Amino acid sequence: MTIVNTEALNALAESPKTAGVPAQLVDEKGAILYKFLYAPEKQAFSKSAKFTEVPVGGTARQPQVYGYTTGTTLRLDNLLLDTFCDGRSGRELIEGLGRLTIPAAETFKPPAIYFVYGTFSYGPAYITDLSWETEAWLNGEPAIGRIGITFIEVPGSPTAATTAGTETPAAGTATPDLTDRQKLEARQQADAWLSANINRLKPDIQQRVRSRSFKFLTSDTGTVQITDNNNQVLGTVGTWDGRQWAPNSELLRS
């Protein structure tokens, strides 16, 4: 018999049941890029931490050196495409997703997007795989089928997609301390920024980042510093306020 931990259950945020919640893809400014015909039946997430095994002779357990943690992958399978009874073509539902995999001429990469479903938001992310199959047609136009999409989360600063409905604090209002989860997000933002700018870092900092011989120190207000193994501060990476990452340039080469 399964016994519910009521203490753990009561500590969770309440979420009332709501019918007809739409699922959509939006850009970093909150503009809607794509509307799903039906909400996903299932959302499959995966994330992994990468370690490198360091061979040491004479021991059965080899040391594992942490490298990095990947972005979260989201897989939406069996998205329903059914416009047959309504006498409409579903081609735009397929091609609309396909356009989100095409790089822009200005940036040479596809648009960073957010998957938004009710109060849940995932991103920024790119579509890495898109597949579909059809099984009924109207004059050659696809009308019944299934679509599969894979997204990979990338480093970025959440904007309108993740902050919709929030208000900017009034001038003079004290910035609240970050939660433990937000402090973790701050370290993840700092780690991603260091990796993305590793060739621009000062030589000593670059060497530490490559060898992972440093630690993060995060303040209650979201400022992230790196220290050596003796907790000596080496510099400030940047600040995360719970919504936006603001990098610091002091670790970069002059």
C-alpha atoms as a PDB file:
ATOM      1  CA  MET A   1       0.000   0.000   0.000  1.00  0.00           C
ATOM      2  CA  THR A   2       1.292   3.436  -0.957  1.00  0.00           C
ATOM      3  CA  ILE A   3       1.364   5.962   1.879  1.00  0.00           C
ATOM      4  CA  VAL A   4       1.279   9.638   0.984  1.00  0.00           C
ATOM      5  CA  ASN A   5       3.687  11.924   2.854  1.00  0.00           C
ATOM      6  CA  THR A   6       1.156  14.629   3.716  1.00  0.00           C
ATOM      7  CA  GLU A   7       3.880  16.950   5.025  1.00  0.00           C
ATOM      8  CA  ALA A   8       5.589  16.895   1.625  1.00  0.00           C
ATOM      9  CA  LEU A   9       2.239  17.231  -0.175  1.00  0.00           C
ATOM     10  CA  ASN A  10       1.105  20.223   1.878  1.00  0.00           C
ATOM     11  CA  ALA A  11       4.398  22.001   1.231  1.00  0.00           C
ATOM     12  CA  LEU A  12       3.676  22.081  -2.509  1.00  0.00           C
ATOM     13  CA  ALA A  13       2.097  25.088  -4.212  1.00  0.00           C
ATOM     14  CA  GLU A  14      -1.595  24.788  -4.984  1.00  0.00           C
ATOM     15  CA  SER A  15      -2.573  24.496  -8.649  1.00  0.00           C
ATOM     16  CA  PRO A  16      -6.313  24.458  -9.399  1.00  0.00           C
ATOM     17  CA  LYS A  17      -7.609  22.274 -12.233  1.00  0.00           C
ATOM     18  CA  THR A  18      -8.290  24.347 -15.326  1.00  0.00           C
ATOM     19  CA  ALA A  19      -9.775  23.123 -18.599  1.00  0.00           C
ATOM     20  CA  GLY A  20      -8.825  24.362 -22.054  1.00  0.00           C
ATOM     21  CA  VAL A  21      -5.275  25.531 -21.259  1.00  0.00           C
ATOM     22  CA  PRO A  22      -3.482  26.192 -24.597  1.00  0.00           C
ATOM     23  CA  ALA A  23       0.069  25.158 -25.430  1.00  0.00           C
ATOM     24  CA  GLN A  24       2.191  27.434 -27.599  1.00  0.00           C
ATOM     25  CA  LEU A  25       5.706  28.450 -28.600  1.00  0.00           C
ATOM     26  CA  VAL A  26       6.812  32.036 -28.052  1.00  0.00           C
ATOM     27  CA  ASP A  27       9.971  34.025 -28.704  1.00  0.00           C
ATOM     28  CA  GLU A  28      12.154  35.830 -26.156  1.00  0.00           C
ATOM     29  CA  LYS A  29       9.870  38.869 -26.277  1.00  0.00           C
ATOM     30  CA  GLY A  30       6.749  36.824 -25.606  1.00  0.00           C
ATOM     31  CA  ALA A  31       5.382  37.003 -29.166  1.00  0.00           C
ATOM     32  CA  ILE A  32       3.496  33.843 -30.158  1.00  0.00           C
ATOM     33  CA  LEU A  33       5.325  31.886 -32.863  1.00  0.00           C
ATOM     34  CA  TYR A  34       3.200  28.742 -32.943  1.00  0.00           C
ATOM     35  CA  LYS A  35      -0.089  27.479 -31.485  1.00  0.00           C
ATOM     36  CA  PHE A  36      -0.589  23.760 -30.905  1.00  0.00           C
ATOM     37  CA  LEU A  37      -3.872  22.330 -32.160  1.00  0.00           C
ATOM     38  CA  TYR A  38      -4.063  19.993 -29.155  1.00  0.00           C
ATOM     39  CA  ALA A  39      -2.153  20.066 -25.874  1.00  0.00           C
ATOM     40  CA  PRO A  40       0.631  17.451 -25.590  1.00  0.00           C
ATOM     41  CA  GLU A  41      -0.395  14.094 -24.208  1.00  0.00           C
ATOM     42  CA  LYS A  42       2.984  13.698 -22.521  1.00  0.00           C
ATOM     43  CA  GLN A  43       6.103  15.756 -21.826  1.00  0.00           C
ATOM     44  CA  ALA A  44       9.354  13.776 -21.530  1.00  0.00           C
ATOM     45  CA  PHE A  45      12.345  15.518 -19.928  1.00  0.00           C
ATOM     46  CA  SER A  46      15.968  14.432 -19.574  1.00  0.00           C
ATOM     47  CA  LYS A  47      19.109  16.007 -18.153  1.00  0.00           C
ATOM     48  CA  SER A  48      22.554  14.618 -17.424  1.00  0.00           C
ATOM     49  CA  ALA A  49      25.759  15.523 -15.626  1.00  0.00           C
ATOM     50  CA  LYS A  50      28.933  14.682 -17.533  1.00  0.00           C
ATOM     51  CA  PHE A  51      31.893  13.170 -15.689  1.00  0.00           C
ATOM     52  CA  THR A  52      35.293  11.999 -16.924  1.00  0.00           C
ATOM     53  CA  GLU A  53      36.909   8.931 -15.427  1.00  0.00           C
ATOM     54  CA  VAL A  54      40.510   9.484 -14.359  1.00  0.00           C
ATOM     55  CA  PRO A  55      42.478   6.209 -14.445  1.00  0.00           C
ATOM     56  CA  VAL A  56      44.338   5.490 -11.217  1.00  0.00           C
ATOM     57  CA  GLY A  57      46.270   2.239 -10.961  1.00  0.00           C
ATOM     58  CA  GLY A  58      45.828  -0.094  -8.050  1.00  0.00           C
ATOM     59  CA  THR A  59      42.270   0.897  -7.161  1.00  0.00           C
ATOM     60  CA  ALA A  60      38.943  -0.622  -8.085  1.00  0.00           C
ATOM     61  CA  ARG A  61      37.080   2.683  -8.012  1.00  0.00           C
ATOM     62  CA  GLN A  62      38.333   5.278 -10.460  1.00  0.00           C
ATOM     63  CA  PRO A  63      37.915   9.007  -9.598  1.00  0.00           C
ATOM     64  CA  GLN A  64      35.207  10.854 -11.508  1.00  0.00           C
ATOM     65  CA  VAL A  65      35.896  14.486 -12.472  1.00  0.00           C
ATOM     66  CA  TYR A  66      32.837  16.621 -13.080  1.00  0.00           C
ATOM     67  CA  GLY A  67      32.758  18.331 -16.472  1.00  0.00           C
ATOM     68  CA  TYR A  68      29.407  20.024 -16.987  1.00  0.00           C
ATOM     69  CA  THR A  69      25.655  19.566 -16.786  1.00  0.00           C
ATOM     70  CA  THR A  70      23.694  19.514 -20.013  1.00  0.00           C
ATOM     71  CA  GLY A  71      20.663  21.612 -20.748  1.00  0.00           C
ATOM     72  CA  THR A  72      17.298  19.928 -20.217  1.00  0.00           C
ATOM     73  CA  THR A  73      15.963  18.064 -23.247  1.00  0.00           C
ATOM     74  CA  LEU A  74      12.199  18.089 -23.809  1.00  0.00           C
ATOM     75  CA  ARG A  75      10.518  15.562 -26.087  1.00  0.00           C
ATOM     76  CA  LEU A  76       6.899  15.978 -27.185  1.00  0.00           C
ATOM     77  CA  ASP A  77       5.713  12.811 -28.921  1.00  0.00           C
ATOM     78  CA  ASN A  78       2.416  11.986 -30.591  1.00  0.00           C
ATOM     79  CA  LEU A  79       1.162  15.549 -30.929  1.00  0.00           C
ATOM     80  CA  LEU A  80      -2.240  15.082 -32.542  1.00  0.00           C
ATOM     81  CA  LEU A  81      -2.933  16.472 -35.988  1.00  0.00           C
ATOM     82  CA  ASP A  82      -6.634  16.049 -36.830  1.00  0.00           C
ATOM     83  CA  THR A  83      -8.401  18.507 -39.115  1.00  0.00           C
ATOM     84  CA  PHE A  84     -10.197  15.903 -41.230  1.00  0.00           C
ATOM     85  CA  CYS A  85     -13.742  16.302 -39.864  1.00  0.00           C
ATOM     86  CA  ASP A  86     -13.482  20.068 -40.126  1.00  0.00           C
ATOM     87  CA  GLY A  87     -12.439  19.876 -43.760  1.00  0.00           C
ATOM     88  CA  ARG A  88      -9.215  21.819 -43.236  1.00  0.00           C
ATOM     89  CA  SER A  89      -5.610  21.261 -44.245  1.00  0.00           C
ATOM     90  CA  GLY A  90      -3.116  20.619 -41.448  1.00  0.00           C
ATOM     91  CA  ARG A  91      -0.116  21.530 -43.605  1.00  0.00           C
ATOM     92  CA  GLU A  92       0.478  24.854 -41.849  1.00  0.00           C
ATOM     93  CA  LEU A  93       0.679  23.065 -38.482  1.00  0.00           C
ATOM     94  CA  ILE A  94       3.593  21.039 -39.848  1.00  0.00           C
ATOM     95  CA  GLU A  95       5.331  23.695 -41.895  1.00  0.00           C
ATOM     96  CA  GLY A  96       4.977  26.251 -39.100  1.00  0.00           C
ATOM     97  CA  LEU A  97       7.167  24.059 -36.894  1.00  0.00           C
ATOM     98  CA  GLY A  98       9.577  23.436 -39.734  1.00  0.00           C
ATOM     99  CA  ARG A  99      10.190  27.170 -40.120  1.00  0.00           C
ATOM    100  CA  LEU A 100      11.376  27.304 -36.503  1.00  0.00           C
ATOM    101  CA  THR A 101      14.332  25.061 -37.422  1.00  0.00           C
ATOM    102  CA  ILE A 102      15.596  27.388 -40.181  1.00  0.00           C
ATOM    103  CA  PRO A 103      18.442  29.772 -39.279  1.00  0.00           C
ATOM    104  CA  ALA A 104      17.909  33.510 -39.627  1.00  0.00           C
ATOM    105  CA  ALA A 105      20.134  35.345 -42.100  1.00  0.00           C
ATOM    106  CA  GLU A 106      21.226  37.823 -39.410  1.00  0.00           C
ATOM    107  CA  THR A 107      22.198  35.352 -36.675  1.00  0.00           C
ATOM    108  CA  PHE A 108      22.936  32.158 -38.676  1.00  0.00           C
ATOM    109  CA  LYS A 109      20.918  30.132 -36.175  1.00  0.00           C
ATOM    110  CA  PRO A 110      17.250  29.258 -35.595  1.00  0.00           C
ATOM    111  CA  PRO A 111      15.170  31.361 -33.205  1.00  0.00           C
ATOM    112  CA  ALA A 112      15.434  30.663 -29.481  1.00  0.00           C
ATOM    113  CA  ILE A 113      11.957  29.696 -28.341  1.00  0.00           C
ATOM    114  CA  TYR A 114       9.986  28.926 -25.202  1.00  0.00           C
ATOM    115  CA  PHE A 115       7.403  26.190 -24.773  1.00  0.00           C
ATOM    116  CA  VAL A 116       4.600  27.680 -22.697  1.00  0.00           C
ATOM    117  CA  TYR A 117       1.719  25.628 -21.301  1.00  0.00           C
ATOM    118  CA  GLY A 118      -0.402  27.458 -18.764  1.00  0.00           C
ATOM    119  CA  THR A 119       1.870  28.610 -15.946  1.00  0.00           C
ATOM    120  CA  PHE A 120       4.725  26.343 -17.108  1.00  0.00           C
ATOM    121  CA  SER A 121       7.503  27.731 -19.302  1.00  0.00           C
ATOM    122  CA  TYR A 122      10.514  25.864 -20.696  1.00  0.00           C
ATOM    123  CA  GLY A 123      13.384  27.540 -22.514  1.00  0.00           C
ATOM    124  CA  PRO A 124      15.112  29.229 -24.121  1.00  0.00           C
ATOM    125  CA  ALA A 125      15.565  26.258 -26.404  1.00  0.00           C
ATOM    126  CA  TYR A 126      16.080  25.167 -29.997  1.00  0.00           C
ATOM    127  CA  ILE A 127      14.239  22.485 -31.935  1.00  0.00           C
ATOM    128  CA  THR A 128      16.801  19.754 -32.627  1.00  0.00           C
ATOM    129  CA  ASP A 129      14.518  17.140 -34.159  1.00  0.00           C
ATOM    130  CA  LEU A 130      11.144  17.315 -35.897  1.00  0.00           C
ATOM    131  CA  SER A 131       9.276  14.297 -37.262  1.00  0.00           C
ATOM    132  CA  TRP A 132       5.745  13.709 -38.470  1.00  0.00           C
ATOM    133  CA  GLU A 133       3.573  11.113 -40.137  1.00  0.00           C
ATOM    134  CA  THR A 134       0.163  11.457 -41.772  1.00  0.00           C
ATOM    135  CA  GLU A 135      -2.496   8.856 -42.412  1.00  0.00           C
ATOM    136  CA  ALA A 136      -5.468  10.724 -43.862  1.00  0.00           C
ATOM    137  CA  TRP A 137      -5.620  13.458 -46.496  1.00  0.00           C
ATOM    138  CA  LEU A 138      -8.084  15.855 -48.086  1.00  0.00           C
ATOM    139  CA  ASN A 139      -7.263  16.290 -51.775  1.00  0.00           C
ATOM    140  CA  GLY A 140      -3.649  15.496 -50.917  1.00  0.00           C
ATOM    141  CA  GLU A 141      -3.546  17.857 -47.921  1.00  0.00           C
ATOM    142  CA  PRO A 142      -2.534  16.231 -44.577  1.00  0.00           C
ATOM    143  CA  ALA A 143      -5.505  16.032 -42.232  1.00  0.00           C
ATOM    144  CA  ILE A 144      -4.732  13.307 -39.645  1.00  0.00           C
ATOM    145  CA  GLY A 145      -1.357  12.425 -38.224  1.00  0.00           C
ATOM    146  CA  ARG A 146       1.132  12.685 -35.396  1.00  0.00           C
ATOM    147  CA  ILE A 147       4.060  15.072 -34.822  1.00  0.00           C
ATOM    148  CA  GLY A 148       7.168  14.616 -32.648  1.00  0.00           C
ATOM    149  CA  ILE A 149       9.441  17.442 -31.480  1.00  0.00           C
ATOM    150  CA  THR A 150      12.691  17.462 -29.504  1.00  0.00           C
ATOM    151  CA  PHE A 151      13.961  20.650 -27.836  1.00  0.00           C
ATOM    152  CA  ILE A 152      17.328  21.313 -26.192  1.00  0.00           C
ATOM    153  CA  GLU A 153      17.603  24.016 -23.540  1.00  0.00           C
ATOM    154  CA  VAL A 154      20.385  26.537 -24.129  1.00  0.00           C
ATOM    155  CA  PRO A 155      21.992  29.193 -21.924  1.00  0.00           C
ATOM    156  CA  GLY A 156      20.067  32.428 -22.060  1.00  0.00           C
ATOM    157  CA  SER A 157      18.282  35.118 -20.127  1.00  0.00           C
ATOM    158  CA  PRO A 158      14.565  34.524 -19.559  1.00  0.00           C
ATOM    159  CA  THR A 159      12.556  37.523 -20.712  1.00  0.00           C
ATOM    160  CA  ALA A 160       8.881  38.060 -21.417  1.00  0.00           C
ATOM    161  CA  ALA A 161       8.284  34.337 -21.904  1.00  0.00           C
ATOM    162  CA  THR A 162       9.162  33.531 -18.314  1.00  0.00           C
ATOM    163  CA  THR A 163       8.270  36.801 -16.629  1.00  0.00           C
ATOM    164  CA  ALA A 164       4.845  37.477 -18.106  1.00  0.00           C
ATOM    165  CA  GLY A 165       2.514  38.751 -15.431  1.00  0.00           C
ATOM    166  CA  THR A 166       5.294  39.943 -13.134  1.00  0.00           C
ATOM    167  CA  GLU A 167       5.816  43.543 -12.193  1.00  0.00           C
ATOM    168  CA  THR A 168       9.061  45.490 -12.056  1.00  0.00           C
ATOM    169  CA  PRO A 169       9.839  46.543  -8.464  1.00  0.00           C
ATOM    170  CA  ALA A 170       9.279  50.239  -7.805  1.00  0.00           C
ATOM    171  CA  ALA A 171      12.297  52.492  -7.430  1.00  0.00           C
ATOM    172  CA  GLY A 172      13.682  52.351  -3.928  1.00  0.00           C
ATOM    173  CA  THR A 173      12.223  48.901  -3.257  1.00  0.00           C
ATOM    174  CA  ALA A 174      14.755  46.529  -1.724  1.00  0.00           C
ATOM    175  CA  THR A 175      15.638  43.513  -3.852  1.00  0.00           C
ATOM    176  CA  PRO A 176      14.409  40.344  -2.052  1.00  0.00           C
ATOM    177  CA  ASP A 177      16.860  37.567  -1.272  1.00  0.00           C
ATOM    178  CA  LEU A 178      16.914  34.738  -3.783  1.00  0.00           C
ATOM    179  CA  THR A 179      15.554  31.305  -2.943  1.00  0.00           C
ATOM    180  CA  ASP A 180      17.833  28.263  -2.895  1.00  0.00           C
ATOM    181  CA  ARG A 181      16.473  27.290  -6.320  1.00  0.00           C
ATOM    182  CA  GLN A 182      17.238  30.743  -7.720  1.00  0.00           C
ATOM    183  CA  LYS A 183      20.764  30.575  -6.291  1.00  0.00           C
ATOM    184  CA  LEU A 184      21.190  27.266  -8.137  1.00  0.00           C
ATOM    185  CA  GLU A 185      19.961  28.977 -11.302  1.00  0.00           C
ATOM    186  CA  ALA A 186      22.522  31.743 -10.675  1.00  0.00           C
ATOM    187  CA  ARG A 187      25.367  29.198 -10.538  1.00  0.00           C
ATOM    188  CA  GLN A 188      24.061  27.502 -13.689  1.00  0.00           C
ATOM    189  CA  GLN A 189      23.971  30.849 -15.497  1.00  0.00           C
ATOM    190  CA  ALA A 190      27.511  31.600 -14.325  1.00  0.00           C
ATOM    191  CA  ASP A 191      28.770  28.187 -15.408  1.00  0.00           C
ATOM    192  CA  ALA A 192      27.161  28.546 -18.835  1.00  0.00           C
ATOM    193  CA  TRP A 193      28.639  32.024 -19.275  1.00  0.00           C
ATOM    194  CA  LEU A 194      32.139  30.845 -18.322  1.00  0.00           C
ATOM    195  CA  SER A 195      31.906  27.966 -20.806  1.00  0.00           C
ATOM    196  CA  ALA A 196      30.605  30.214 -23.586  1.00  0.00           C
ATOM    197  CA  ASN A 197      33.391  32.775 -23.041  1.00  0.00           C
ATOM    198  CA  ILE A 198      36.235  30.452 -22.103  1.00  0.00           C
ATOM    199  CA  ASN A 199      38.535  31.686 -24.892  1.00  0.00           C
ATOM    200  CA  ARG A 200      38.083  35.294 -23.748  1.00  0.00           C
ATOM    201  CA  LEU A 201      38.914  34.661 -20.084  1.00  0.00           C
ATOM    202  CA  LYS A 202      42.164  35.698 -18.439  1.00  0.00           C
ATOM    203  CA  PRO A 203      44.765  32.910 -18.766  1.00  0.00           C
ATOM    204  CA  ASP A 204      44.746  31.891 -15.099  1.00  0.00           C
ATOM    205  CA  ILE A 205      40.929  31.877 -14.955  1.00  0.00           C
ATOM    206  CA  GLN A 206      40.707  30.028 -18.266  1.00  0.00           C
ATOM    207  CA  GLN A 207      42.997  27.306 -16.932  1.00  0.00           C
ATOM    208  CA  ARG A 208      40.891  26.917 -13.797  1.00  0.00           C
ATOM    209  CA  VAL A 209      37.674  26.713 -15.805  1.00  0.00           C
ATOM    210  CA  ARG A 210      39.109  24.084 -18.134  1.00  0.00           C
ATOM    211  CA  SER A 211      40.349  21.977 -15.226  1.00  0.00           C
ATOM    212  CA  ARG A 212      37.264  22.752 -13.095  1.00  0.00           C
ATOM    213  CA  SER A 213      39.575  23.776 -10.233  1.00  0.00           C
ATOM    214  CA  PHE A 214      37.300  26.432  -8.798  1.00  0.00           C
ATOM    215  CA  LYS A 215      34.133  26.820  -6.762  1.00  0.00           C
ATOM    216  CA  PHE A 216      31.147  29.137  -6.950  1.00  0.00           C
ATOM    217  CA  LEU A 217      30.223  31.556  -4.171  1.00  0.00           C
ATOM    218  CA  THR A 218      26.667  32.916  -4.476  1.00  0.00           C
ATOM    219  CA  SER A 219      25.315  35.804  -2.404  1.00  0.00           C
ATOM    220  CA  ASP A 220      21.712  36.151  -1.251  1.00  0.00           C
ATOM    221  CA  THR A 221      21.176  38.829  -3.910  1.00  0.00           C
ATOM    222  CA  GLY A 222      22.415  36.614  -6.775  1.00  0.00           C
ATOM    223  CA  THR A 223      26.001  37.808  -7.281  1.00  0.00           C
ATOM    224  CA  VAL A 224      28.162  34.838  -8.291  1.00  0.00           C
ATOM    225  CA  GLN A 225      31.902  34.795  -7.639  1.00  0.00           C
ATOM    226  CA  ILE A 226      34.466  32.079  -8.227  1.00  0.00           C
ATOM    227  CA  THR A 227      37.007  31.018  -5.626  1.00  0.00           C
ATOM    228  CA  ASP A 228      39.970  28.691  -5.490  1.00  0.00           C
ATOM    229  CA  ASN A 229      39.897  25.521  -3.403  1.00  0.00           C
ATOM    230  CA  ASN A 230      40.900  27.573  -0.349  1.00  0.00           C
ATOM    231  CA  ASN A 231      37.846  29.828  -0.803  1.00  0.00           C
ATOM    232  CA  GLN A 232      39.977  32.765  -1.947  1.00  0.00           C
ATOM    233  CA  VAL A 233      37.812  34.941  -4.224  1.00  0.00           C
ATOM    234  CA  LEU A 234      39.185  35.128  -7.769  1.00  0.00           C
ATOM    235  CA  GLY A 235      36.575  37.438  -9.260  1.00  0.00           C
ATOM    236  CA  THR A 236      32.907  38.070  -9.983  1.00  0.00           C
ATOM    237  CA  VAL A 237      31.200  36.225 -12.841  1.00  0.00           C
ATOM    238  CA  GLY A 238      27.914  38.127 -12.814  1.00  0.00           C
ATOM    239  CA  THR A 239      24.553  38.582 -11.132  1.00  0.00           C
ATOM    240  CA  TRP A 240      21.254  36.699 -11.486  1.00  0.00           C
ATOM    241  CA  ASP A 241      18.155  38.458 -10.139  1.00  0.00           C
ATOM    242  CA  GLY A 242      15.839  35.517 -10.670  1.00  0.00           C
ATOM    243  CA  ARG A 243      14.898  36.691 -14.162  1.00  0.00           C
ATOM    244  CA  GLN A 244      17.941  38.043 -15.979  1.00  0.00           C
ATOM    245  CA  TRP A 245      21.668  37.305 -16.073  1.00  0.00           C
ATOM    246  CA  ALA A 246      24.043  40.296 -15.972  1.00  0.00           C
ATOM    247  CA  PRO A 247      27.660  39.210 -16.649  1.00  0.00           C
ATOM    248  CA  ASN A 248      30.680  40.998 -15.188  1.00  0.00           C
ATOM    249  CA  SER A 249      33.687  41.670 -17.426  1.00  0.00           C
ATOM    250  CA  GLU A 250      36.426  41.581 -14.778  1.00  0.00           C
ATOM    251  CA  LEU A 251      37.342  37.973 -15.603  1.00  0.00           C
ATOM    252  CA  LEU A 252      37.842  38.784 -19.288  1.00  0.00           C
ATOM    253  CA  ARG A 253      41.109  39.743 -20.907  1.00  0.00           C
ATOM    254  CA  SER A 254      41.565  43.486 -21.175  1.00  0.00           C
END
